[in-house]
Amino acid sequence: MVIAMTKVARKIKRIAHSVSPRHIAKRYSTARIISQFANKLGIVYFGHIDARSDEHSLLRGITVSNSHTDQHYTVGTFKTYDMALVIRRDSLQYDDKRLKDHFWTIMTFDLHTTYDVPHFYIAQNKIRDELLARYSKLHKISLGQLCPYPALFNENLEIYGNLEKAIEIEQIITPDFAGLIAQHCTDISIEVAENTVYLYIAEKHPSNALLERMTNLGIWFAQIIDQKSSQ
């Protein structure tokens, strides 16, 4: 009963926040930024979509759930890669029964390779509790079975996946590749699932500079995975 009342109170608070002048201004500003970004890349901005609709492909990945909502849906092809963008909101319940709203800017890129790339997720240490709050089916993988990894990667990033695929994942995320990821993805998490690259950043209102950076990183990451998969 207490939990149910808490959820109702949170819903009322969220509705009140969503109609505040400041929130409406930020929402329109974000829509304008993403629409202009889409026009520049030659992709299509749709705005809000119904996740239950068959008209658009649902962005999945580890943040997909029965309770999430997506805004600012954008899709198209850039530099030969089919890509998509959404701002996703979801309420995560933690082990201590806390409910907390999370927002992610998510960008995806479909790989060209026909090789079945194993599912893995690379995250910053600081969002470990957010990851494990809902996505505990993934297990932390200890890299370095084949050769040592850069300290910058080991100190700041963790990789999760299927333990049975650990060696295969390590053959993809090699020490040299891991070092570059640690340098350029200080605030962005990366997932590869069903041959799609997902980039996540905990940002509700992304700037044009951030969207451009995510695009460049996503294309770069997808190209490397495609190259490694063809060797």
C-alpha atoms as a PDB file:
ATOM      1  CA  MET A   1       0.000   0.000   0.000  1.00  0.00           C
ATOM      2  CA  VAL A   2       2.811   2.387   0.894  1.00  0.00           C
ATOM      3  CA  ILE A   3       4.658   1.570  -2.323  1.00  0.00           C
ATOM      4  CA  ALA A   4       1.461   2.111  -4.349  1.00  0.00           C
ATOM      5  CA  MET A   5       0.907   5.525  -2.729  1.00  0.00           C
ATOM      6  CA  THR A   6       4.528   6.438  -3.393  1.00  0.00           C
ATOM      7  CA  LYS A   7       4.098   5.625  -7.074  1.00  0.00           C
ATOM      8  CA  VAL A   8       0.928   7.751  -7.243  1.00  0.00           C
ATOM      9  CA  ALA A   9       2.694  10.666  -5.536  1.00  0.00           C
ATOM     10  CA  ARG A  10       5.611  10.387  -7.941  1.00  0.00           C
ATOM     11  CA  LYS A  11       3.235  10.334 -10.922  1.00  0.00           C
ATOM     12  CA  ILE A  12       1.446  13.472  -9.695  1.00  0.00           C
ATOM     13  CA  LYS A  13       4.787  15.202  -9.139  1.00  0.00           C
ATOM     14  CA  ARG A  14       5.982  14.189 -12.612  1.00  0.00           C
ATOM     15  CA  ILE A  15       2.809  15.530 -14.262  1.00  0.00           C
ATOM     16  CA  ALA A  16       3.114  18.832 -12.392  1.00  0.00           C
ATOM     17  CA  HIS A  17       6.744  19.111 -13.471  1.00  0.00           C
ATOM     18  CA  SER A  18       5.924  18.303 -17.104  1.00  0.00           C
ATOM     19  CA  VAL A  19       3.517  21.251 -17.427  1.00  0.00           C
ATOM     20  CA  SER A  20       5.751  23.812 -15.732  1.00  0.00           C
ATOM     21  CA  PRO A  21       6.850  26.706 -18.010  1.00  0.00           C
ATOM     22  CA  ARG A  22      10.533  25.906 -17.487  1.00  0.00           C
ATOM     23  CA  HIS A  23      10.066  22.244 -18.437  1.00  0.00           C
ATOM     24  CA  ILE A  24       8.010  23.138 -21.529  1.00  0.00           C
ATOM     25  CA  ALA A  25      10.699  25.601 -22.664  1.00  0.00           C
ATOM     26  CA  LYS A  26      13.440  22.989 -22.232  1.00  0.00           C
ATOM     27  CA  ARG A  27      11.377  20.390 -24.072  1.00  0.00           C
ATOM     28  CA  TYR A  28      10.850  22.676 -27.065  1.00  0.00           C
ATOM     29  CA  SER A  29      14.512  23.650 -27.032  1.00  0.00           C
ATOM     30  CA  THR A  30      15.546  19.986 -27.090  1.00  0.00           C
ATOM     31  CA  ALA A  31      13.105  19.267 -29.913  1.00  0.00           C
ATOM     32  CA  ARG A  32      14.570  22.148 -31.927  1.00  0.00           C
ATOM     33  CA  ILE A  33      18.166  21.018 -31.340  1.00  0.00           C
ATOM     34  CA  ILE A  34      17.442  17.416 -32.339  1.00  0.00           C
ATOM     35  CA  SER A  35      15.368  18.465 -35.358  1.00  0.00           C
ATOM     36  CA  GLN A  36      18.181  20.719 -36.604  1.00  0.00           C
ATOM     37  CA  PHE A  37      20.703  17.940 -35.944  1.00  0.00           C
ATOM     38  CA  ALA A  38      18.559  15.514 -37.973  1.00  0.00           C
ATOM     39  CA  ASN A  39      18.270  17.949 -40.876  1.00  0.00           C
ATOM     40  CA  LYS A  40      22.036  18.422 -40.948  1.00  0.00           C
ATOM     41  CA  LEU A  41      22.641  14.658 -41.134  1.00  0.00           C
ATOM     42  CA  GLY A  42      19.816  14.035 -43.593  1.00  0.00           C
ATOM     43  CA  ILE A  43      17.859  11.818 -41.201  1.00  0.00           C
ATOM     44  CA  VAL A  44      14.222  12.119 -40.060  1.00  0.00           C
ATOM     45  CA  TYR A  45      12.936  13.547 -36.775  1.00  0.00           C
ATOM     46  CA  PHE A  46       9.575  12.060 -35.692  1.00  0.00           C
ATOM     47  CA  GLY A  47       9.321  13.337 -32.103  1.00  0.00           C
ATOM     48  CA  HIS A  48       7.145  11.264 -29.767  1.00  0.00           C
ATOM     49  CA  ILE A  49       6.309   7.679 -30.715  1.00  0.00           C
ATOM     50  CA  ASP A  50       4.133   5.035 -29.133  1.00  0.00           C
ATOM     51  CA  ALA A  51       6.378   2.120 -28.129  1.00  0.00           C
ATOM     52  CA  ARG A  52       3.432  -0.216 -28.827  1.00  0.00           C
ATOM     53  CA  SER A  53       3.059   1.035 -32.398  1.00  0.00           C
ATOM     54  CA  ASP A  54       4.274  -1.078 -35.308  1.00  0.00           C
ATOM     55  CA  GLU A  55       5.059   2.007 -37.400  1.00  0.00           C
ATOM     56  CA  HIS A  56       8.555   2.441 -35.963  1.00  0.00           C
ATOM     57  CA  SER A  57      11.266   0.040 -34.837  1.00  0.00           C
ATOM     58  CA  LEU A  58      11.581  -0.025 -31.051  1.00  0.00           C
ATOM     59  CA  LEU A  59      15.046   0.756 -29.738  1.00  0.00           C
ATOM     60  CA  ARG A  60      15.835  -2.103 -27.415  1.00  0.00           C
ATOM     61  CA  GLY A  61      19.107  -2.609 -25.546  1.00  0.00           C
ATOM     62  CA  ILE A  62      19.447  -3.080 -21.806  1.00  0.00           C
ATOM     63  CA  THR A  63      17.248  -0.083 -20.939  1.00  0.00           C
ATOM     64  CA  VAL A  64      14.155  -1.468 -22.671  1.00  0.00           C
ATOM     65  CA  SER A  65      11.302  -2.227 -20.271  1.00  0.00           C
ATOM     66  CA  ASN A  66       7.533  -2.308 -19.943  1.00  0.00           C
ATOM     67  CA  SER A  67       7.572   1.082 -18.221  1.00  0.00           C
ATOM     68  CA  HIS A  68       9.977   3.212 -20.274  1.00  0.00           C
ATOM     69  CA  THR A  69       8.865   6.084 -22.516  1.00  0.00           C
ATOM     70  CA  ASP A  70      10.708   7.441 -25.565  1.00  0.00           C
ATOM     71  CA  GLN A  71      10.718  10.995 -26.905  1.00  0.00           C
ATOM     72  CA  HIS A  72      12.413  12.720 -29.851  1.00  0.00           C
ATOM     73  CA  TYR A  73      12.589   9.586 -31.994  1.00  0.00           C
ATOM     74  CA  THR A  74      14.928  10.172 -34.947  1.00  0.00           C
ATOM     75  CA  VAL A  75      16.005   7.666 -37.594  1.00  0.00           C
ATOM     76  CA  GLY A  76      17.922   7.487 -40.863  1.00  0.00           C
ATOM     77  CA  THR A  77      21.188   6.473 -42.514  1.00  0.00           C
ATOM     78  CA  PHE A  78      24.481   8.299 -42.079  1.00  0.00           C
ATOM     79  CA  LYS A  79      27.838   7.278 -43.569  1.00  0.00           C
ATOM     80  CA  THR A  80      26.247   3.953 -44.668  1.00  0.00           C
ATOM     81  CA  TYR A  81      25.071   3.086 -41.124  1.00  0.00           C
ATOM     82  CA  ASP A  82      21.397   2.900 -40.211  1.00  0.00           C
ATOM     83  CA  MET A  83      21.087   4.945 -37.027  1.00  0.00           C
ATOM     84  CA  ALA A  84      18.428   6.025 -34.556  1.00  0.00           C
ATOM     85  CA  LEU A  85      18.141   8.401 -31.603  1.00  0.00           C
ATOM     86  CA  VAL A  86      15.732   8.720 -28.656  1.00  0.00           C
ATOM     87  CA  ILE A  87      15.544  10.312 -25.228  1.00  0.00           C
ATOM     88  CA  ARG A  88      14.362   7.535 -22.886  1.00  0.00           C
ATOM     89  CA  ARG A  89      12.874   7.858 -19.403  1.00  0.00           C
ATOM     90  CA  ASP A  90      12.324   5.047 -16.944  1.00  0.00           C
ATOM     91  CA  SER A  91      11.789   4.616 -13.220  1.00  0.00           C
ATOM     92  CA  LEU A  92      14.184   2.095 -11.699  1.00  0.00           C
ATOM     93  CA  GLN A  93      13.412   0.358  -8.423  1.00  0.00           C
ATOM     94  CA  TYR A  94      16.466  -0.486  -6.339  1.00  0.00           C
ATOM     95  CA  ASP A  95      16.958  -3.304  -3.849  1.00  0.00           C
ATOM     96  CA  ASP A  96      16.089  -0.946  -0.971  1.00  0.00           C
ATOM     97  CA  LYS A  97      12.743  -0.179  -2.712  1.00  0.00           C
ATOM     98  CA  ARG A  98      13.837   3.313  -3.807  1.00  0.00           C
ATOM     99  CA  LEU A  99      12.271   4.525  -7.046  1.00  0.00           C
ATOM    100  CA  LYS A 100      14.325   6.903  -9.134  1.00  0.00           C
ATOM    101  CA  ASP A 101      13.697   8.427 -12.555  1.00  0.00           C
ATOM    102  CA  HIS A 102      16.498   8.054 -15.086  1.00  0.00           C
ATOM    103  CA  PHE A 103      16.895   9.712 -18.469  1.00  0.00           C
ATOM    104  CA  TRP A 104      19.189   8.553 -21.256  1.00  0.00           C
ATOM    105  CA  THR A 105      20.073   9.984 -24.625  1.00  0.00           C
ATOM    106  CA  ILE A 106      20.423   6.808 -26.697  1.00  0.00           C
ATOM    107  CA  MET A 107      21.950   6.551 -30.168  1.00  0.00           C
ATOM    108  CA  THR A 108      22.148   3.300 -32.138  1.00  0.00           C
ATOM    109  CA  PHE A 109      24.040   2.098 -35.207  1.00  0.00           C
ATOM    110  CA  ASP A 110      23.321  -1.166 -37.034  1.00  0.00           C
ATOM    111  CA  LEU A 111      26.474  -3.116 -37.825  1.00  0.00           C
ATOM    112  CA  HIS A 112      27.190  -4.298 -41.366  1.00  0.00           C
ATOM    113  CA  THR A 113      28.822  -7.577 -40.334  1.00  0.00           C
ATOM    114  CA  THR A 114      26.912 -10.850 -40.589  1.00  0.00           C
ATOM    115  CA  TYR A 115      29.027 -12.296 -37.778  1.00  0.00           C
ATOM    116  CA  ASP A 116      26.987 -12.763 -34.595  1.00  0.00           C
ATOM    117  CA  VAL A 117      28.777 -10.321 -32.272  1.00  0.00           C
ATOM    118  CA  PRO A 118      28.358 -11.363 -28.608  1.00  0.00           C
ATOM    119  CA  HIS A 119      26.268  -9.179 -26.307  1.00  0.00           C
ATOM    120  CA  PHE A 120      28.327  -6.915 -24.037  1.00  0.00           C
ATOM    121  CA  TYR A 121      28.001  -3.632 -22.179  1.00  0.00           C
ATOM    122  CA  ILE A 122      30.800  -1.203 -21.247  1.00  0.00           C
ATOM    123  CA  ALA A 123      29.944   1.184 -18.406  1.00  0.00           C
ATOM    124  CA  GLN A 124      31.613   3.716 -16.135  1.00  0.00           C
ATOM    125  CA  ASN A 125      32.180   2.525 -12.574  1.00  0.00           C
ATOM    126  CA  LYS A 126      30.061   5.390 -11.239  1.00  0.00           C
ATOM    127  CA  ILE A 127      26.825   4.057 -12.765  1.00  0.00           C
ATOM    128  CA  ARG A 128      27.277   0.508 -11.526  1.00  0.00           C
ATOM    129  CA  ASP A 129      24.305   0.664  -9.143  1.00  0.00           C
ATOM    130  CA  GLU A 130      22.066   2.024 -11.911  1.00  0.00           C
ATOM    131  CA  LEU A 131      23.056  -0.883 -14.145  1.00  0.00           C
ATOM    132  CA  LEU A 132      22.591  -3.567 -11.495  1.00  0.00           C
ATOM    133  CA  ALA A 133      19.281  -2.106 -10.300  1.00  0.00           C
ATOM    134  CA  ARG A 134      17.503  -3.661 -13.270  1.00  0.00           C
ATOM    135  CA  TYR A 135      20.009  -5.396 -15.498  1.00  0.00           C
ATOM    136  CA  SER A 136      21.651  -7.898 -13.159  1.00  0.00           C
ATOM    137  CA  LYS A 137      21.424 -10.723 -15.711  1.00  0.00           C
ATOM    138  CA  LEU A 138      24.672  -9.403 -17.169  1.00  0.00           C
ATOM    139  CA  HIS A 139      27.839 -10.435 -15.352  1.00  0.00           C
ATOM    140  CA  LYS A 140      31.041  -8.498 -14.901  1.00  0.00           C
ATOM    141  CA  ILE A 141      33.829  -9.849 -17.084  1.00  0.00           C
ATOM    142  CA  SER A 142      37.449  -9.709 -15.947  1.00  0.00           C
ATOM    143  CA  LEU A 143      39.558  -8.757 -18.942  1.00  0.00           C
ATOM    144  CA  GLY A 144      43.223  -9.642 -19.214  1.00  0.00           C
ATOM    145  CA  GLN A 145      43.033 -13.389 -19.717  1.00  0.00           C
ATOM    146  CA  LEU A 146      44.926 -13.029 -22.988  1.00  0.00           C
ATOM    147  CA  CYS A 147      47.096  -9.965 -22.227  1.00  0.00           C
ATOM    148  CA  PRO A 148      47.099  -6.978 -19.812  1.00  0.00           C
ATOM    149  CA  TYR A 149      44.750  -4.027 -20.280  1.00  0.00           C
ATOM    150  CA  PRO A 150      45.491  -0.290 -19.931  1.00  0.00           C
ATOM    151  CA  ALA A 151      45.193   1.070 -16.393  1.00  0.00           C
ATOM    152  CA  LEU A 152      42.946   3.892 -17.675  1.00  0.00           C
ATOM    153  CA  PHE A 153      40.384   1.333 -18.807  1.00  0.00           C
ATOM    154  CA  ASN A 154      40.623  -0.878 -15.720  1.00  0.00           C
ATOM    155  CA  GLU A 155      40.289   2.070 -13.329  1.00  0.00           C
ATOM    156  CA  ASN A 156      37.320   3.765 -14.986  1.00  0.00           C
ATOM    157  CA  LEU A 157      35.329   1.209 -16.953  1.00  0.00           C
ATOM    158  CA  GLU A 158      33.714  -2.164 -16.421  1.00  0.00           C
ATOM    159  CA  ILE A 159      32.484  -4.616 -19.012  1.00  0.00           C
ATOM    160  CA  TYR A 160      29.463  -6.894 -18.590  1.00  0.00           C
ATOM    161  CA  GLY A 161      28.314  -9.811 -20.688  1.00  0.00           C
ATOM    162  CA  ASN A 162      27.745 -13.554 -20.878  1.00  0.00           C
ATOM    163  CA  LEU A 163      30.559 -15.291 -19.013  1.00  0.00           C
ATOM    164  CA  GLU A 164      30.597 -18.043 -21.626  1.00  0.00           C
ATOM    165  CA  LYS A 165      31.473 -15.405 -24.229  1.00  0.00           C
ATOM    166  CA  ALA A 166      34.234 -13.744 -22.186  1.00  0.00           C
ATOM    167  CA  ILE A 167      37.138 -14.818 -24.415  1.00  0.00           C
ATOM    168  CA  GLU A 168      35.218 -13.898 -27.560  1.00  0.00           C
ATOM    169  CA  ILE A 169      34.448 -10.457 -26.113  1.00  0.00           C
ATOM    170  CA  GLU A 170      38.095  -9.999 -25.149  1.00  0.00           C
ATOM    171  CA  GLN A 171      39.113 -10.771 -28.724  1.00  0.00           C
ATOM    172  CA  ILE A 172      36.907  -7.866 -29.845  1.00  0.00           C
ATOM    173  CA  ILE A 173      37.691  -5.377 -27.052  1.00  0.00           C
ATOM    174  CA  THR A 174      41.449  -5.774 -27.312  1.00  0.00           C
ATOM    175  CA  PRO A 175      43.837  -3.765 -25.066  1.00  0.00           C
ATOM    176  CA  ASP A 176      44.542  -1.181 -27.811  1.00  0.00           C
ATOM    177  CA  PHE A 177      40.835  -0.765 -28.532  1.00  0.00           C
ATOM    178  CA  ALA A 178      40.042  -0.600 -24.791  1.00  0.00           C
ATOM    179  CA  GLY A 179      42.599   2.174 -24.349  1.00  0.00           C
ATOM    180  CA  LEU A 180      40.933   4.279 -27.036  1.00  0.00           C
ATOM    181  CA  ILE A 181      37.501   3.656 -25.511  1.00  0.00           C
ATOM    182  CA  ALA A 182      38.773   4.801 -22.116  1.00  0.00           C
ATOM    183  CA  GLN A 183      40.120   8.014 -23.659  1.00  0.00           C
ATOM    184  CA  HIS A 184      37.042   8.978 -25.671  1.00  0.00           C
ATOM    185  CA  CYS A 185      34.092   7.521 -23.746  1.00  0.00           C
ATOM    186  CA  THR A 186      34.555   9.063 -20.315  1.00  0.00           C
ATOM    187  CA  ASP A 187      30.822   9.751 -19.914  1.00  0.00           C
ATOM    188  CA  ILE A 188      29.239   7.459 -22.517  1.00  0.00           C
ATOM    189  CA  SER A 189      28.367   3.786 -22.015  1.00  0.00           C
ATOM    190  CA  ILE A 190      28.404   1.363 -24.951  1.00  0.00           C
ATOM    191  CA  GLU A 191      26.415  -1.779 -25.618  1.00  0.00           C
ATOM    192  CA  VAL A 192      26.477  -4.210 -28.527  1.00  0.00           C
ATOM    193  CA  ALA A 193      23.322  -6.323 -28.737  1.00  0.00           C
ATOM    194  CA  GLU A 194      21.887  -8.196 -31.720  1.00  0.00           C
ATOM    195  CA  ASN A 195      24.522  -6.611 -33.976  1.00  0.00           C
ATOM    196  CA  THR A 196      23.516  -3.076 -33.033  1.00  0.00           C
ATOM    197  CA  VAL A 197      25.780  -0.579 -31.265  1.00  0.00           C
ATOM    198  CA  TYR A 198      24.048   1.416 -28.504  1.00  0.00           C
ATOM    199  CA  LEU A 199      25.523   4.579 -27.002  1.00  0.00           C
ATOM    200  CA  TYR A 200      24.054   5.819 -23.711  1.00  0.00           C
ATOM    201  CA  ILE A 201      24.583   9.013 -21.784  1.00  0.00           C
ATOM    202  CA  ALA A 202      22.599  10.138 -18.759  1.00  0.00           C
ATOM    203  CA  GLU A 203      21.348  13.336 -20.376  1.00  0.00           C
ATOM    204  CA  LYS A 204      17.759  14.573 -20.741  1.00  0.00           C
ATOM    205  CA  HIS A 205      18.514  17.624 -22.892  1.00  0.00           C
ATOM    206  CA  PRO A 206      21.502  16.910 -25.178  1.00  0.00           C
ATOM    207  CA  SER A 207      23.319  19.736 -26.906  1.00  0.00           C
ATOM    208  CA  ASN A 208      24.161  19.722 -30.599  1.00  0.00           C
ATOM    209  CA  ALA A 209      27.828  19.252 -29.675  1.00  0.00           C
ATOM    210  CA  LEU A 210      26.979  16.140 -27.655  1.00  0.00           C
ATOM    211  CA  LEU A 211      24.867  14.670 -30.469  1.00  0.00           C
ATOM    212  CA  GLU A 212      27.689  15.236 -32.954  1.00  0.00           C
ATOM    213  CA  ARG A 213      30.172  13.626 -30.573  1.00  0.00           C
ATOM    214  CA  MET A 214      27.941  10.589 -30.053  1.00  0.00           C
ATOM    215  CA  THR A 215      27.501  10.241 -33.814  1.00  0.00           C
ATOM    216  CA  ASN A 216      31.247  10.318 -34.458  1.00  0.00           C
ATOM    217  CA  LEU A 217      31.930   7.862 -31.629  1.00  0.00           C
ATOM    218  CA  GLY A 218      29.165   5.527 -32.771  1.00  0.00           C
ATOM    219  CA  ILE A 219      30.353   5.437 -36.373  1.00  0.00           C
ATOM    220  CA  TRP A 220      33.960   4.940 -35.228  1.00  0.00           C
ATOM    221  CA  PHE A 221      33.008   2.123 -32.859  1.00  0.00           C
ATOM    222  CA  ALA A 222      30.789   0.394 -35.446  1.00  0.00           C
ATOM    223  CA  GLN A 223      33.514   0.574 -38.098  1.00  0.00           C
ATOM    224  CA  ILE A 224      36.054  -1.046 -35.774  1.00  0.00           C
ATOM    225  CA  ILE A 225      33.641  -3.827 -34.779  1.00  0.00           C
ATOM    226  CA  ASP A 226      32.875  -4.445 -38.465  1.00  0.00           C
ATOM    227  CA  GLN A 227      36.583  -4.573 -39.292  1.00  0.00           C
ATOM    228  CA  LYS A 228      37.361  -6.979 -36.443  1.00  0.00           C
ATOM    229  CA  SER A 229      34.430  -9.204 -37.397  1.00  0.00           C
ATOM    230  CA  SER A 230      35.674  -9.553 -40.966  1.00  0.00           C
ATOM    231  CA  GLN A 231      39.213 -10.637 -40.026  1.00  0.00           C
END
